């Protein structure tokens, strides 16, 4: 019975939810940056708040700059479709 309770408690954590592709809302730019860093190894240069997402500009270890969109409601990370103004 005790092991079942531990598994049940672990299932409600945000980290566990991310592994199972459940929705984890992103409430601020710090959370958006952390979410982006889970997908791309590198340094966060800038985070901009958009209407329904956060746009995160990152510098990869290779020297390449990439831009990701982090959805506010679901926490999903995807490459930005539009070009940024550098």
C-alpha atoms as a PDB file:
ATOM      1  CA  UNK A   1       0.000   0.000   0.000  1.00  0.00           C
ATOM      2  CA  UNK A   2       2.864   2.396   0.859  1.00  0.00           C
ATOM      3  CA  UNK A   3       4.534   1.913  -2.549  1.00  0.00           C
ATOM      4  CA  UNK A   4       1.247   2.704  -4.277  1.00  0.00           C
ATOM      5  CA  UNK A   5       0.990   6.028  -2.420  1.00  0.00           C
ATOM      6  CA  UNK A   6       4.551   6.953  -3.372  1.00  0.00           C
ATOM      7  CA  UNK A   7       3.852   6.215  -7.051  1.00  0.00           C
ATOM      8  CA  UNK A   8       0.632   8.195  -6.883  1.00  0.00           C
ATOM      9  CA  UNK A   9       2.451  11.188  -5.379  1.00  0.00           C
ATOM     10  CA  UNK A  10       5.218  10.979  -7.995  1.00  0.00           C
ATOM     11  CA  UNK A  11       2.623  11.013 -10.767  1.00  0.00           C
ATOM     12  CA  UNK A  12       1.415  14.477  -9.806  1.00  0.00           C
ATOM     13  CA  UNK A  13       4.788  16.240 -10.032  1.00  0.00           C
ATOM     14  CA  UNK A  14       5.501  18.599 -12.987  1.00  0.00           C
ATOM     15  CA  UNK A  15       8.692  16.718 -13.907  1.00  0.00           C
ATOM     16  CA  UNK A  16       6.785  13.456 -14.151  1.00  0.00           C
ATOM     17  CA  UNK A  17       4.071  15.153 -16.198  1.00  0.00           C
ATOM     18  CA  UNK A  18       6.680  16.438 -18.675  1.00  0.00           C
ATOM     19  CA  UNK A  19       8.010  12.937 -19.251  1.00  0.00           C
ATOM     20  CA  UNK A  20       4.498  11.776 -20.097  1.00  0.00           C
ATOM     21  CA  UNK A  21       3.763  14.765 -22.397  1.00  0.00           C
ATOM     22  CA  UNK A  22       1.009  16.069 -20.132  1.00  0.00           C
ATOM     23  CA  UNK A  23       0.267  19.787 -20.120  1.00  0.00           C
ATOM     24  CA  UNK A  24       2.408  21.858 -17.754  1.00  0.00           C
ATOM     25  CA  UNK A  25       1.589  25.572 -17.972  1.00  0.00           C
ATOM     26  CA  UNK A  26       4.416  28.089 -18.199  1.00  0.00           C
ATOM     27  CA  UNK A  27       3.648  31.124 -16.028  1.00  0.00           C
ATOM     28  CA  UNK A  28       6.728  33.336 -16.457  1.00  0.00           C
ATOM     29  CA  UNK A  29       9.879  33.924 -18.479  1.00  0.00           C
ATOM     30  CA  UNK A  30      12.068  31.964 -16.041  1.00  0.00           C
ATOM     31  CA  UNK A  31       9.941  28.849 -16.489  1.00  0.00           C
ATOM     32  CA  UNK A  32       9.983  29.357 -20.269  1.00  0.00           C
ATOM     33  CA  UNK A  33      13.790  29.547 -20.250  1.00  0.00           C
ATOM     34  CA  UNK A  34      14.044  26.346 -18.183  1.00  0.00           C
ATOM     35  CA  UNK A  35      11.645  24.560 -20.507  1.00  0.00           C
ATOM     36  CA  UNK A  36      13.674  25.625 -23.564  1.00  0.00           C
ATOM     37  CA  UNK A  37      16.935  24.484 -21.928  1.00  0.00           C
ATOM     38  CA  UNK A  38      15.428  21.010 -21.509  1.00  0.00           C
ATOM     39  CA  UNK A  39      15.220  20.800 -25.309  1.00  0.00           C
ATOM     40  CA  UNK A  40      18.408  22.543 -26.433  1.00  0.00           C
ATOM     41  CA  UNK A  41      21.745  22.635 -24.676  1.00  0.00           C
ATOM     42  CA  UNK A  42      22.996  26.192 -24.585  1.00  0.00           C
ATOM     43  CA  UNK A  43      22.655  29.619 -23.019  1.00  0.00           C
ATOM     44  CA  UNK A  44      19.469  31.664 -22.937  1.00  0.00           C
ATOM     45  CA  UNK A  45      20.044  35.078 -24.484  1.00  0.00           C
ATOM     46  CA  UNK A  46      16.568  36.584 -24.366  1.00  0.00           C
ATOM     47  CA  UNK A  47      12.954  35.733 -23.497  1.00  0.00           C
ATOM     48  CA  UNK A  48      10.073  37.697 -25.026  1.00  0.00           C
ATOM     49  CA  UNK A  49       6.455  37.349 -23.944  1.00  0.00           C
ATOM     50  CA  UNK A  50       4.080  36.817 -26.863  1.00  0.00           C
ATOM     51  CA  UNK A  51       0.287  36.523 -26.871  1.00  0.00           C
ATOM     52  CA  UNK A  52       0.102  32.752 -26.340  1.00  0.00           C
ATOM     53  CA  UNK A  53       3.757  31.782 -25.923  1.00  0.00           C
ATOM     54  CA  UNK A  54       7.216  32.862 -24.841  1.00  0.00           C
ATOM     55  CA  UNK A  55       9.886  33.294 -27.520  1.00  0.00           C
ATOM     56  CA  UNK A  56      13.261  32.123 -26.222  1.00  0.00           C
ATOM     57  CA  UNK A  57      16.463  33.009 -28.078  1.00  0.00           C
ATOM     58  CA  UNK A  58      19.344  30.670 -27.266  1.00  0.00           C
ATOM     59  CA  UNK A  59      23.027  30.355 -28.112  1.00  0.00           C
ATOM     60  CA  UNK A  60      23.972  26.735 -28.770  1.00  0.00           C
ATOM     61  CA  UNK A  61      27.415  25.404 -27.891  1.00  0.00           C
ATOM     62  CA  UNK A  62      28.161  25.300 -31.633  1.00  0.00           C
ATOM     63  CA  UNK A  63      27.788  29.095 -31.749  1.00  0.00           C
ATOM     64  CA  UNK A  64      24.487  28.997 -33.611  1.00  0.00           C
ATOM     65  CA  UNK A  65      21.619  31.160 -32.354  1.00  0.00           C
ATOM     66  CA  UNK A  66      18.201  29.475 -32.354  1.00  0.00           C
ATOM     67  CA  UNK A  67      14.755  30.725 -31.408  1.00  0.00           C
ATOM     68  CA  UNK A  68      12.139  28.540 -29.744  1.00  0.00           C
ATOM     69  CA  UNK A  69       8.498  29.138 -28.888  1.00  0.00           C
ATOM     70  CA  UNK A  70       7.260  27.826 -25.535  1.00  0.00           C
ATOM     71  CA  UNK A  71       3.473  27.553 -25.371  1.00  0.00           C
ATOM     72  CA  UNK A  72       2.070  29.188 -22.218  1.00  0.00           C
ATOM     73  CA  UNK A  73      -0.793  26.723 -21.738  1.00  0.00           C
ATOM     74  CA  UNK A  74       0.852  23.406 -22.607  1.00  0.00           C
ATOM     75  CA  UNK A  75       4.556  24.091 -22.055  1.00  0.00           C
ATOM     76  CA  UNK A  76       5.359  22.537 -25.440  1.00  0.00           C
ATOM     77  CA  UNK A  77       8.570  23.728 -27.071  1.00  0.00           C
ATOM     78  CA  UNK A  78       8.910  24.104 -30.839  1.00  0.00           C
ATOM     79  CA  UNK A  79      11.173  26.018 -33.223  1.00  0.00           C
ATOM     80  CA  UNK A  80      10.009  29.535 -33.944  1.00  0.00           C
ATOM     81  CA  UNK A  81       8.300  29.882 -37.327  1.00  0.00           C
ATOM     82  CA  UNK A  82       9.078  33.566 -37.858  1.00  0.00           C
ATOM     83  CA  UNK A  83      12.424  35.290 -38.056  1.00  0.00           C
ATOM     84  CA  UNK A  84      13.499  37.472 -35.120  1.00  0.00           C
ATOM     85  CA  UNK A  85      14.682  41.020 -35.515  1.00  0.00           C
ATOM     86  CA  UNK A  86      18.268  40.814 -34.319  1.00  0.00           C
END
